[in-house]
C-alpha atoms as a PDB file:
ATOM      1  CA  MET A   1      20.457 105.307 213.983  1.00  0.00           C
ATOM      2  CA  GLU A   2      22.366 107.075 216.560  1.00  0.00           C
ATOM      3  CA  GLN A   3      25.525 108.960 215.006  1.00  0.00           C
ATOM      4  CA  ALA A   4      27.559 111.227 216.114  1.00  0.00           C
ATOM      5  CA  TYR A   5      30.488 113.423 214.015  1.00  0.00           C
ATOM      6  CA  LEU A   6      33.920 113.872 213.795  1.00  0.00           C
ATOM      7  CA  PHE A   7      36.318 117.331 212.752  1.00  0.00           C
ATOM      8  CA  VAL A   8      39.281 116.865 211.222  1.00  0.00           C
ATOM      9  CA  HIS A   9      41.291 120.410 211.454  1.00  0.00           C
ATOM     10  CA  PHE A  10      44.038 122.457 212.458  1.00  0.00           C
ATOM     11  CA  LYS A  11      45.124 125.233 214.668  1.00  0.00           C
ATOM     12  CA  GLU A  12      45.914 129.010 213.971  1.00  0.00           C
ATOM     13  CA  LYS A  13      49.280 129.079 215.461  1.00  0.00           C
ATOM     14  CA  SER A  14      52.733 130.622 214.576  1.00  0.00           C
ATOM     15  CA  THR A  15      54.650 127.451 215.631  1.00  0.00           C
ATOM     16  CA  PRO A  16      54.183 124.122 213.155  1.00  0.00           C
ATOM     17  CA  ASP A  17      52.752 122.232 215.578  1.00  0.00           C
ATOM     18  CA  GLY A  18      49.324 124.042 214.655  1.00  0.00           C
ATOM     19  CA  GLU A  19      49.662 123.094 211.146  1.00  0.00           C
ATOM     20  CA  GLN A  20      49.575 119.398 211.949  1.00  0.00           C
ATOM     21  CA  VAL A  21      45.617 117.115 211.561  1.00  0.00           C
ATOM     22  CA  TYR A  22      43.632 117.766 214.409  1.00  0.00           C
ATOM     23  CA  PHE A  23      40.796 115.359 215.530  1.00  0.00           C
ATOM     24  CA  SER A  24      37.098 116.657 217.293  1.00  0.00           C
ATOM     25  CA  LEU A  25      34.437 114.862 218.641  1.00  0.00           C
ATOM     26  CA  SER A  26      30.655 115.695 219.089  1.00  0.00           C
ATOM     27  CA  ARG A  27      27.894 113.622 219.927  1.00  0.00           C
ATOM     28  CA  ASP A  28      25.138 116.223 218.668  1.00  0.00           C
ATOM     29  CA  GLY A  29      26.781 118.903 216.208  1.00  0.00           C
ATOM     30  CA  PHE A  30      26.675 121.781 218.609  1.00  0.00           C
ATOM     31  CA  HIS A  31      28.962 120.676 221.805  1.00  0.00           C
ATOM     32  CA  TRP A  32      32.542 119.854 221.103  1.00  0.00           C
ATOM     33  CA  GLU A  33      35.230 118.314 222.782  1.00  0.00           C
ATOM     34  CA  THR A  34      38.997 117.488 222.231  1.00  0.00           C
ATOM     35  CA  VAL A  35      40.593 114.444 221.441  1.00  0.00           C
ATOM     36  CA  ASN A  36      44.044 113.563 222.784  1.00  0.00           C
ATOM     37  CA  GLY A  37      44.053 116.621 225.137  1.00  0.00           C
ATOM     38  CA  GLY A  38      43.738 119.211 221.749  1.00  0.00           C
ATOM     39  CA  ASN A  39      47.182 118.109 220.967  1.00  0.00           C
ATOM     40  CA  PRO A  40      47.887 116.674 216.833  1.00  0.00           C
ATOM     41  CA  VAL A  41      46.756 113.222 215.947  1.00  0.00           C
ATOM     42  CA  LEU A  42      48.832 112.980 212.988  1.00  0.00           C
ATOM     43  CA  TRP A  43      52.076 114.827 211.730  1.00  0.00           C
ATOM     44  CA  SER A  44      53.429 115.828 208.467  1.00  0.00           C
ATOM     45  CA  TYR A  45      57.093 114.406 207.795  1.00  0.00           C
ATOM     46  CA  TYR A  46      57.362 115.299 204.547  1.00  0.00           C
ATOM     47  CA  GLY A  47      56.250 118.192 201.671  1.00  0.00           C
ATOM     48  CA  ASP A  48      56.372 121.219 203.217  1.00  0.00           C
ATOM     49  CA  LYS A  49      56.020 119.498 206.655  1.00  0.00           C
ATOM     50  CA  GLY A  50      52.995 121.321 207.608  1.00  0.00           C
ATOM     51  CA  VAL A  51      49.445 120.016 206.316  1.00  0.00           C
ATOM     52  CA  ARG A  52      46.012 122.450 206.102  1.00  0.00           C
ATOM     53  CA  ASP A  53      42.629 122.360 204.633  1.00  0.00           C
ATOM     54  CA  PHE A  54      41.608 118.851 205.369  1.00  0.00           C
ATOM     55  CA  THR A  55      38.790 117.125 203.904  1.00  0.00           C
ATOM     56  CA  ILE A  56      37.919 113.675 205.129  1.00  0.00           C
ATOM     57  CA  ILE A  57      35.365 110.517 203.490  1.00  0.00           C
ATOM     58  CA  ARG A  58      34.254 107.197 204.464  1.00  0.00           C
ATOM     59  CA  CYS A  59      34.380 105.369 200.956  1.00  0.00           C
ATOM     60  CA  LYS A  60      32.611 101.994 199.650  1.00  0.00           C
ATOM     61  CA  ASN A  61      36.151  99.834 200.266  1.00  0.00           C
ATOM     62  CA  ASN A  62      35.547 100.187 204.168  1.00  0.00           C
ATOM     63  CA  LYS A  63      38.556 103.166 203.963  1.00  0.00           C
ATOM     64  CA  PHE A  64      38.805 106.327 205.377  1.00  0.00           C
ATOM     65  CA  TYR A  65      40.876 109.168 203.737  1.00  0.00           C
ATOM     66  CA  ILE A  66      42.396 112.236 204.536  1.00  0.00           C
ATOM     67  CA  PHE A  67      43.368 114.478 202.127  1.00  0.00           C
ATOM     68  CA  ALA A  68      45.523 117.992 203.088  1.00  0.00           C
ATOM     69  CA  THR A  69      46.938 121.166 201.665  1.00  0.00           C
ATOM     70  CA  ASP A  70      51.079 120.191 201.836  1.00  0.00           C
ATOM     71  CA  LEU A  71      51.826 123.657 203.269  1.00  0.00           C
ATOM     72  CA  SER A  72      53.569 124.609 206.479  1.00  0.00           C
ATOM     73  CA  LEU A  73      53.498 128.752 207.035  1.00  0.00           C
ATOM     74  CA  SER A  74      55.545 128.351 210.299  1.00  0.00           C
ATOM     75  CA  TYR A  75      58.649 127.301 207.521  1.00  0.00           C
ATOM     76  CA  GLY A  76      57.629 127.985 204.733  1.00  0.00           C
ATOM     77  CA  MET A  77      56.937 131.603 204.946  1.00  0.00           C
ATOM     78  CA  ARG A  78      59.830 132.649 206.285  1.00  0.00           C
ATOM     79  CA  ASN A  79      62.193 130.735 204.180  1.00  0.00           C
ATOM     80  CA  GLN A  80      61.049 129.424 200.201  1.00  0.00           C
ATOM     81  CA  TYR A  81      58.360 131.340 199.629  1.00  0.00           C
ATOM     82  CA  HIS A  82      60.076 134.645 200.822  1.00  0.00           C
ATOM     83  CA  ASN A  83      57.218 135.878 202.811  1.00  0.00           C
ATOM     84  CA  SER A  84      55.045 136.186 199.640  1.00  0.00           C
ATOM     85  CA  TRP A  85      51.338 134.789 199.501  1.00  0.00           C
ATOM     86  CA  GLU A  86      51.857 135.656 195.729  1.00  0.00           C
ATOM     87  CA  GLU A  87      55.454 132.907 195.966  1.00  0.00           C
ATOM     88  CA  ILE A  88      53.029 130.483 197.251  1.00  0.00           C
ATOM     89  CA  GLY A  89      50.242 130.539 195.415  1.00  0.00           C
ATOM     90  CA  ARG A  90      52.694 130.094 191.764  1.00  0.00           C
ATOM     91  CA  ASN A  91      55.152 127.818 193.229  1.00  0.00           C
ATOM     92  CA  GLY A  92      53.228 125.951 195.992  1.00  0.00           C
ATOM     93  CA  SER A  93      52.960 122.177 196.652  1.00  0.00           C
ATOM     94  CA  LYS A  94      51.334 120.746 193.262  1.00  0.00           C
ATOM     95  CA  PHE A  95      50.741 117.651 195.819  1.00  0.00           C
ATOM     96  CA  PHE A  96      48.566 116.998 198.306  1.00  0.00           C
ATOM     97  CA  ALA A  97      49.136 114.694 201.850  1.00  0.00           C
ATOM     98  CA  VAL A  98      47.151 111.801 202.424  1.00  0.00           C
ATOM     99  CA  TRP A  99      46.760 109.305 205.328  1.00  0.00           C
ATOM    100  CA  GLU A 100      43.857 106.450 205.173  1.00  0.00           C
ATOM    101  CA  SER A 101      42.533 104.070 207.691  1.00  0.00           C
ATOM    102  CA  GLU A 102      39.817 101.200 208.187  1.00  0.00           C
ATOM    103  CA  ASN A 103      38.921 101.981 211.498  1.00  0.00           C
ATOM    104  CA  LEU A 104      39.693 105.842 212.331  1.00  0.00           C
ATOM    105  CA  VAL A 105      42.700 105.522 215.015  1.00  0.00           C
ATOM    106  CA  ASP A 106      45.125 103.279 213.481  1.00  0.00           C
ATOM    107  CA  TRP A 107      46.364 105.637 210.407  1.00  0.00           C
ATOM    108  CA  SER A 108      48.399 104.786 207.674  1.00  0.00           C
ATOM    109  CA  GLU A 109      51.594 106.389 206.662  1.00  0.00           C
ATOM    110  CA  GLN A 110      51.800 109.884 205.458  1.00  0.00           C
ATOM    111  CA  ARG A 111      51.887 109.301 201.614  1.00  0.00           C
ATOM    112  CA  MET A 112      52.118 112.144 199.053  1.00  0.00           C
ATOM    113  CA  VAL A 113      49.759 112.432 195.635  1.00  0.00           C
ATOM    114  CA  LYS A 114      50.839 114.664 192.873  1.00  0.00           C
ATOM    115  CA  LEU A 115      47.991 115.809 191.101  1.00  0.00           C
ATOM    116  CA  GLY A 116      48.778 119.124 190.017  1.00  0.00           C
ATOM    117  CA  THR A 117      50.232 119.589 186.349  1.00  0.00           C
ATOM    118  CA  GLU A 118      53.474 122.027 185.555  1.00  0.00           C
ATOM    119  CA  GLU A 119      50.893 124.630 184.614  1.00  0.00           C
ATOM    120  CA  MET A 120      49.291 124.655 187.825  1.00  0.00           C
ATOM    121  CA  GLY A 121      50.065 126.679 191.427  1.00  0.00           C
ATOM    122  CA  CYS A 122      49.639 125.301 194.999  1.00  0.00           C
ATOM    123  CA  LEU A 123      47.080 122.934 195.315  1.00  0.00           C
ATOM    124  CA  TRP A 124      44.559 124.130 198.171  1.00  0.00           C
ATOM    125  CA  ALA A 125      41.650 123.025 200.076  1.00  0.00           C
ATOM    126  CA  PRO A 126      41.090 119.103 198.627  1.00  0.00           C
ATOM    127  CA  ASP A 127      37.538 118.342 199.128  1.00  0.00           C
ATOM    128  CA  ILE A 128      36.002 115.158 197.645  1.00  0.00           C
ATOM    129  CA  ILE A 129      32.330 113.504 196.982  1.00  0.00           C
ATOM    130  CA  TYR A 130      31.021 110.298 195.392  1.00  0.00           C
ATOM    131  CA  ASP A 131      29.816 110.237 192.483  1.00  0.00           C
ATOM    132  CA  GLU A 132      27.083 107.326 192.395  1.00  0.00           C
ATOM    133  CA  SER A 133      26.492 107.931 188.481  1.00  0.00           C
ATOM    134  CA  HIS A 134      29.962 107.095 187.804  1.00  0.00           C
ATOM    135  CA  ASP A 135      30.789 104.656 190.802  1.00  0.00           C
ATOM    136  CA  ASP A 136      33.990 107.050 191.667  1.00  0.00           C
ATOM    137  CA  TYR A 137      34.711 109.605 193.280  1.00  0.00           C
ATOM    138  CA  VAL A 138      35.504 113.438 192.503  1.00  0.00           C
ATOM    139  CA  LEU A 139      38.448 114.852 193.960  1.00  0.00           C
ATOM    140  CA  HIS A 140      38.277 119.042 193.668  1.00  0.00           C
ATOM    141  CA  TRP A 141      40.749 122.119 195.012  1.00  0.00           C
ATOM    142  CA  SER A 142      41.501 125.548 194.614  1.00  0.00           C
ATOM    143  CA  SER A 143      44.486 126.204 191.908  1.00  0.00           C
ATOM    144  CA  SER A 144      45.805 129.303 190.129  1.00  0.00           C
ATOM    145  CA  HIS A 145      47.069 128.253 186.711  1.00  0.00           C
ATOM    146  CA  LYS A 146      49.351 129.411 184.105  1.00  0.00           C
ATOM    147  CA  ASP A 147      46.908 130.116 181.508  1.00  0.00           C
ATOM    148  CA  ASP A 148      45.791 133.519 182.958  1.00  0.00           C
ATOM    149  CA  GLY A 149      49.567 134.104 184.237  1.00  0.00           C
ATOM    150  CA  TYR A 150      48.463 133.031 187.723  1.00  0.00           C
ATOM    151  CA  ARG A 151      46.089 135.826 188.113  1.00  0.00           C
ATOM    152  CA  ASN A 152      43.026 133.807 189.553  1.00  0.00           C
ATOM    153  CA  LYS A 153      42.513 130.405 191.299  1.00  0.00           C
ATOM    154  CA  GLY A 154      39.527 128.280 190.072  1.00  0.00           C
ATOM    155  CA  ILE A 155      38.157 124.626 191.172  1.00  0.00           C
ATOM    156  CA  PHE A 156      39.822 122.342 189.411  1.00  0.00           C
ATOM    157  CA  PHE A 157      38.797 118.385 189.763  1.00  0.00           C
ATOM    158  CA  CYS A 158      39.717 114.662 188.908  1.00  0.00           C
ATOM    159  CA  ARG A 159      38.107 111.276 189.903  1.00  0.00           C
ATOM    160  CA  THR A 160      39.420 108.035 191.414  1.00  0.00           C
ATOM    161  CA  LYS A 161      37.665 104.993 191.912  1.00  0.00           C
ATOM    162  CA  ASP A 162      40.771 103.991 194.242  1.00  0.00           C
ATOM    163  CA  PHE A 163      42.705 107.170 195.400  1.00  0.00           C
ATOM    164  CA  GLU A 164      45.746 105.419 193.750  1.00  0.00           C
ATOM    165  CA  HIS A 165      44.809 106.550 190.801  1.00  0.00           C
ATOM    166  CA  PHE A 166      43.230 109.974 189.344  1.00  0.00           C
ATOM    167  CA  THR A 167      42.560 111.139 186.136  1.00  0.00           C
ATOM    168  CA  GLU A 168      44.138 114.450 184.479  1.00  0.00           C
ATOM    169  CA  PRO A 169      42.488 117.824 186.188  1.00  0.00           C
ATOM    170  CA  LYS A 170      40.308 119.583 184.447  1.00  0.00           C
ATOM    171  CA  ALA A 171      38.120 122.905 185.414  1.00  0.00           C
ATOM    172  CA  LEU A 172      35.231 122.671 187.775  1.00  0.00           C
ATOM    173  CA  TYR A 173      34.121 126.167 187.587  1.00  0.00           C
ATOM    174  CA  ARG A 174      36.123 129.475 186.896  1.00  0.00           C
ATOM    175  CA  ARG A 175      35.466 133.060 187.387  1.00  0.00           C
ATOM    176  CA  GLU A 176      37.472 135.512 184.027  1.00  0.00           C
ATOM    177  CA  ASN A 177      37.738 138.227 186.843  1.00  0.00           C
ATOM    178  CA  SER A 178      37.492 137.050 190.220  1.00  0.00           C
ATOM    179  CA  SER A 179      39.187 134.026 192.311  1.00  0.00           C
ATOM    180  CA  VAL A 180      37.200 130.869 193.640  1.00  0.00           C
ATOM    181  CA  ILE A 181      38.281 129.064 196.319  1.00  0.00           C
ATOM    182  CA  ASP A 182      37.133 126.955 198.744  1.00  0.00           C
ATOM    183  CA  SER A 183      34.519 124.558 196.959  1.00  0.00           C
ATOM    184  CA  ALA A 184      32.934 122.164 199.226  1.00  0.00           C
ATOM    185  CA  ILE A 185      30.208 120.107 197.596  1.00  0.00           C
ATOM    186  CA  TYR A 186      27.177 118.105 198.963  1.00  0.00           C
ATOM    187  CA  TRP A 187      23.853 115.574 197.283  1.00  0.00           C
ATOM    188  CA  GLU A 188      20.550 116.552 198.374  1.00  0.00           C
ATOM    189  CA  GLU A 189      17.262 115.098 197.071  1.00  0.00           C
ATOM    190  CA  GLY A 190      18.696 114.963 193.486  1.00  0.00           C
ATOM    191  CA  THR A 191      21.099 118.168 193.201  1.00  0.00           C
ATOM    192  CA  TYR A 192      24.320 119.090 193.730  1.00  0.00           C
ATOM    193  CA  TYR A 193      24.897 122.292 195.963  1.00  0.00           C
ATOM    194  CA  MET A 194      28.510 123.564 195.898  1.00  0.00           C
ATOM    195  CA  PHE A 195      29.743 126.660 198.503  1.00  0.00           C
ATOM    196  CA  LEU A 196      32.544 129.030 197.438  1.00  0.00           C
ATOM    197  CA  ARG A 197      34.777 131.844 198.121  1.00  0.00           C
ATOM    198  CA  CYS A 198      33.950 134.412 195.784  1.00  0.00           C
ATOM    199  CA  ASP A 199      36.367 137.403 195.704  1.00  0.00           C
ATOM    200  CA  THR A 200      34.157 139.747 193.640  1.00  0.00           C
ATOM    201  CA  ASP A 201      31.118 138.481 195.937  1.00  0.00           C
ATOM    202  CA  ALA A 202      29.684 141.099 198.625  1.00  0.00           C
ATOM    203  CA  ALA A 203      29.961 138.533 201.089  1.00  0.00           C
ATOM    204  CA  ALA A 204      32.429 136.415 199.710  1.00  0.00           C
ATOM    205  CA  ILE A 205      30.448 132.853 200.502  1.00  0.00           C
ATOM    206  CA  THR A 206      28.424 131.878 197.904  1.00  0.00           C
ATOM    207  CA  LEU A 207      26.359 129.301 196.966  1.00  0.00           C
ATOM    208  CA  PHE A 208      25.670 126.996 193.585  1.00  0.00           C
ATOM    209  CA  LYS A 209      23.418 124.372 192.440  1.00  0.00           C
ATOM    210  CA  SER A 210      23.562 121.865 189.993  1.00  0.00           C
ATOM    211  CA  ASP A 211      22.110 118.288 188.431  1.00  0.00           C
ATOM    212  CA  GLN A 212      25.974 116.941 187.989  1.00  0.00           C
ATOM    213  CA  ILE A 213      28.891 117.266 189.661  1.00  0.00           C
ATOM    214  CA  GLU A 214      30.907 118.784 186.627  1.00  0.00           C
ATOM    215  CA  GLY A 215      28.187 120.940 186.277  1.00  0.00           C
ATOM    216  CA  PRO A 216      27.217 124.042 184.722  1.00  0.00           C
ATOM    217  CA  TYR A 217      26.474 125.700 188.048  1.00  0.00           C
ATOM    218  CA  GLU A 218      23.882 128.120 188.885  1.00  0.00           C
ATOM    219  CA  LYS A 219      24.165 130.899 191.536  1.00  0.00           C
ATOM    220  CA  ILE A 220      21.144 130.434 194.583  1.00  0.00           C
ATOM    221  CA  GLU A 221      20.575 134.076 194.782  1.00  0.00           C
ATOM    222  CA  ALA A 222      18.864 133.528 198.470  1.00  0.00           C
ATOM    223  CA  PHE A 223      21.911 132.646 200.024  1.00  0.00           C
ATOM    224  CA  ASP A 224      23.547 136.182 199.495  1.00  0.00           C
ATOM    225  CA  SER A 225      20.526 137.032 201.697  1.00  0.00           C
ATOM    226  CA  SER A 226      21.659 134.694 204.674  1.00  0.00           C
ATOM    227  CA  MET A 227      25.641 136.200 204.086  1.00  0.00           C
ATOM    228  CA  LYS A 228      24.214 139.917 204.691  1.00  0.00           C
ATOM    229  CA  VAL A 229      24.992 139.684 208.678  1.00  0.00           C
ATOM    230  CA  LEU A 230      28.683 138.838 207.646  1.00  0.00           C
ATOM    231  CA  GLU A 231      31.595 141.283 207.299  1.00  0.00           C
ATOM    232  CA  ASN A 232      32.819 141.117 203.663  1.00  0.00           C
ATOM    233  CA  GLY A 233      36.074 139.270 203.151  1.00  0.00           C
ATOM    234  CA  LEU A 234      36.666 138.217 206.772  1.00  0.00           C
ATOM    235  CA  TYR A 235      35.005 134.152 205.997  1.00  0.00           C
ATOM    236  CA  GLU A 236      36.347 131.377 203.834  1.00  0.00           C
ATOM    237  CA  ALA A 237      36.536 127.983 203.795  1.00  0.00           C
ATOM    238  CA  PRO A 238      32.583 126.215 204.376  1.00  0.00           C
ATOM    239  CA  THR A 239      32.233 123.034 205.402  1.00  0.00           C
ATOM    240  CA  ALA A 240      28.455 121.509 206.223  1.00  0.00           C
ATOM    241  CA  VAL A 241      27.380 117.741 207.831  1.00  0.00           C
ATOM    242  CA  ARG A 242      23.612 117.292 207.883  1.00  0.00           C
ATOM    243  CA  LEU A 243      22.305 116.769 211.196  1.00  0.00           C
ATOM    244  CA  ALA A 244      20.399 113.294 212.513  1.00  0.00           C
ATOM    245  CA  ASP A 245      16.697 115.631 212.101  1.00  0.00           C
ATOM    246  CA  GLY A 246      17.785 116.599 208.753  1.00  0.00           C
ATOM    247  CA  ARG A 247      18.815 120.134 209.481  1.00  0.00           C
ATOM    248  CA  TRP A 248      22.394 121.246 208.031  1.00  0.00           C
ATOM    249  CA  CYS A 249      25.255 123.261 209.836  1.00  0.00           C
ATOM    250  CA  LEU A 250      27.249 125.309 207.749  1.00  0.00           C
ATOM    251  CA  PHE A 251      30.349 126.244 209.348  1.00  0.00           C
ATOM    252  CA  LEU A 252      32.123 129.054 208.010  1.00  0.00           C
ATOM    253  CA  ASP A 253      36.267 129.962 209.134  1.00  0.00           C
ATOM    254  CA  TYR A 254      36.624 133.431 210.720  1.00  0.00           C
ATOM    255  CA  TYR A 255      39.722 135.033 210.026  1.00  0.00           C
ATOM    256  CA  GLY A 256      38.763 138.707 210.654  1.00  0.00           C
ATOM    257  CA  VAL A 257      41.621 138.900 213.880  1.00  0.00           C
ATOM    258  CA  PRO A 258      44.840 137.605 214.958  1.00  0.00           C
ATOM    259  CA  GLY A 259      45.582 134.464 216.469  1.00  0.00           C
ATOM    260  CA  ALA A 260      43.650 132.504 218.858  1.00  0.00           C
ATOM    261  CA  GLY A 261      40.433 134.737 217.653  1.00  0.00           C
ATOM    262  CA  GLN A 262      39.517 132.755 214.883  1.00  0.00           C
ATOM    263  CA  GLY A 263      37.814 129.842 213.997  1.00  0.00           C
ATOM    264  CA  TYR A 264      34.764 128.218 212.494  1.00  0.00           C
ATOM    265  CA  VAL A 265      31.017 130.067 213.018  1.00  0.00           C
ATOM    266  CA  PRO A 266      28.229 127.823 212.578  1.00  0.00           C
ATOM    267  CA  PHE A 267      24.871 128.626 210.654  1.00  0.00           C
ATOM    268  CA  ILE A 268      21.347 126.437 210.359  1.00  0.00           C
ATOM    269  CA  SER A 269      19.300 125.252 207.621  1.00  0.00           C
ATOM    270  CA  ARG A 270      16.748 123.168 207.165  1.00  0.00           C
ATOM    271  CA  GLU A 271      17.611 122.315 203.232  1.00  0.00           C
ATOM    272  CA  LEU A 272      20.298 123.615 201.229  1.00  0.00           C
ATOM    273  CA  LYS A 273      17.873 124.488 198.100  1.00  0.00           C
ATOM    274  CA  SER A 274      16.078 127.290 200.835  1.00  0.00           C
ATOM    275  CA  GLY A 275      19.267 128.810 200.515  1.00  0.00           C
ATOM    276  CA  ASN A 276      18.356 130.524 204.156  1.00  0.00           C
ATOM    277  CA  PHE A 277      21.043 130.124 206.876  1.00  0.00           C
ATOM    278  CA  VAL A 278      20.800 131.713 210.305  1.00  0.00           C
ATOM    279  CA  ARG A 279      23.576 132.321 212.242  1.00  0.00           C
ATOM    280  CA  SER A 280      23.322 130.041 215.691  1.00  0.00           C
ATOM    281  CA  ASP A 281      26.368 131.172 217.563  1.00  0.00           C
ATOM    282  CA  LYS A 282      24.808 130.759 220.816  1.00  0.00           C
ATOM    283  CA  GLU A 283      23.633 126.883 220.015  1.00  0.00           C
ATOM    284  CA  PHE A 284      27.154 125.796 219.939  1.00  0.00           C
ATOM    285  CA  ASN A 285      30.519 125.137 221.613  1.00  0.00           C
ATOM    286  CA  PHE A 286      33.982 124.747 220.739  1.00  0.00           C
ATOM    287  CA  PRO A 287      36.974 124.034 223.087  1.00  0.00           C
ATOM    288  CA  TYR A 288      38.892 126.541 220.628  1.00  0.00           C
ATOM    289  CA  GLY A 289      39.129 127.667 217.004  1.00  0.00           C
ATOM    290  CA  PHE A 290      39.116 125.083 214.840  1.00  0.00           C
ATOM    291  CA  LYS A 291      40.317 126.454 211.259  1.00  0.00           C
ATOM    292  CA  HIS A 292      39.588 125.227 207.892  1.00  0.00           C
ATOM    293  CA  GLY A 293      38.291 120.987 208.069  1.00  0.00           C
ATOM    294  CA  THR A 294      35.506 119.018 207.212  1.00  0.00           C
ATOM    295  CA  ILE A 295      33.115 116.940 208.782  1.00  0.00           C
ATOM    296  CA  LEU A 296      32.211 113.194 209.052  1.00  0.00           C
ATOM    297  CA  THR A 297      29.271 111.683 210.413  1.00  0.00           C
ATOM    298  CA  ILE A 298      30.271 108.478 211.916  1.00  0.00           C
ATOM    299  CA  THR A 299      28.880 105.656 214.158  1.00  0.00           C
ATOM    300  CA  LEU A 300      29.101 105.877 218.220  1.00  0.00           C
ATOM    301  CA  GLU A 301      31.254 102.888 218.150  1.00  0.00           C
ATOM    302  CA  GLU A 302      33.398 104.764 216.078  1.00  0.00           C
ATOM    303  CA  TYR A 303      32.959 107.844 219.208  1.00  0.00           C
ATOM    304  CA  LYS A 304      33.758 105.667 221.570  1.00  0.00           C
ATOM    305  CA  ARG A 305      37.134 104.452 219.644  1.00  0.00           C
ATOM    306  CA  ILE A 306      38.082 108.124 219.156  1.00  0.00           C
ATOM    307  CA  LYS A 307      37.703 109.525 222.180  1.00  0.00           C
ATOM    308  CA  ASP A 308      39.007 106.139 224.112  1.00  0.00           C
ATOM    309  CA  LYS A 309      42.215 105.970 221.574  1.00  0.00           C
ATOM    310  CA  SER A 310      45.693 106.909 223.211  1.00  0.00           C
ATOM    311  CA  TRP A 311      47.222 109.119 220.817  1.00  0.00           C
ATOM    312  CA  LEU A 312      50.627 110.156 220.579  1.00  0.00           C
ATOM    313  CA  SER A 313      51.255 113.547 221.354  1.00  0.00           C
END
């Protein structure tokens, strides 16, 4: 069956319109086009009034959900966070911004879902995967925690069947002397693979595997060789999608320059378990720099519906 792709992301801008919900489309996963003329398709009006670090999932209840970090640097960095990333990390939002839809074009009013406890700092970079063994969904994210003085971020998770009720958050993966952020988990042939940004690893982006979503996870050393082509510490927000021919596209968010030069860099692999990814910039085309998002596989009918929609700018 033919398939297409929806990329949900934001833009790196110093104005509030950058930290909103953007859609882009592709027929093949390589060549991307704007939706709504490159303007936001959804706006955040609650919480920090800005959203970043999106994930989108298609669920068994025939609904789609977008979860996002509740954070506006345009407003907040100048205002309640006093130009301090440390203050954001400790005192940022304990909520995620959420939208839902049955057709990818008509979206609900934004709602705010509180998942962080009083011992947690800001909740960053949600991601969601279906767990067949439990018939539910695992929502995981990055956060600092009071138990180590908010020094190092770890990966936490909870479970849900309906995206209305959630279990209490628990730790999924933490390191004693390093922050780990931006978890993205995928399933391939009975194994779960988790991409992470780890502060102390050579290229920052690492790959782990486990037989269970909740771990324990072990590192895939071969992936480090693929990441030797990267400048240390300038990439984050890994996200991946499986193409129609079975290959995987891994995208890493490059932030090594200011402003418009930022955006995703693509890598190709035949299979996750090999850990072998080849940088493939020349094969891809983006209309502008996509920032921290997730790709959803969609049908050609859904592709046309999104493309033909008259969005409000």
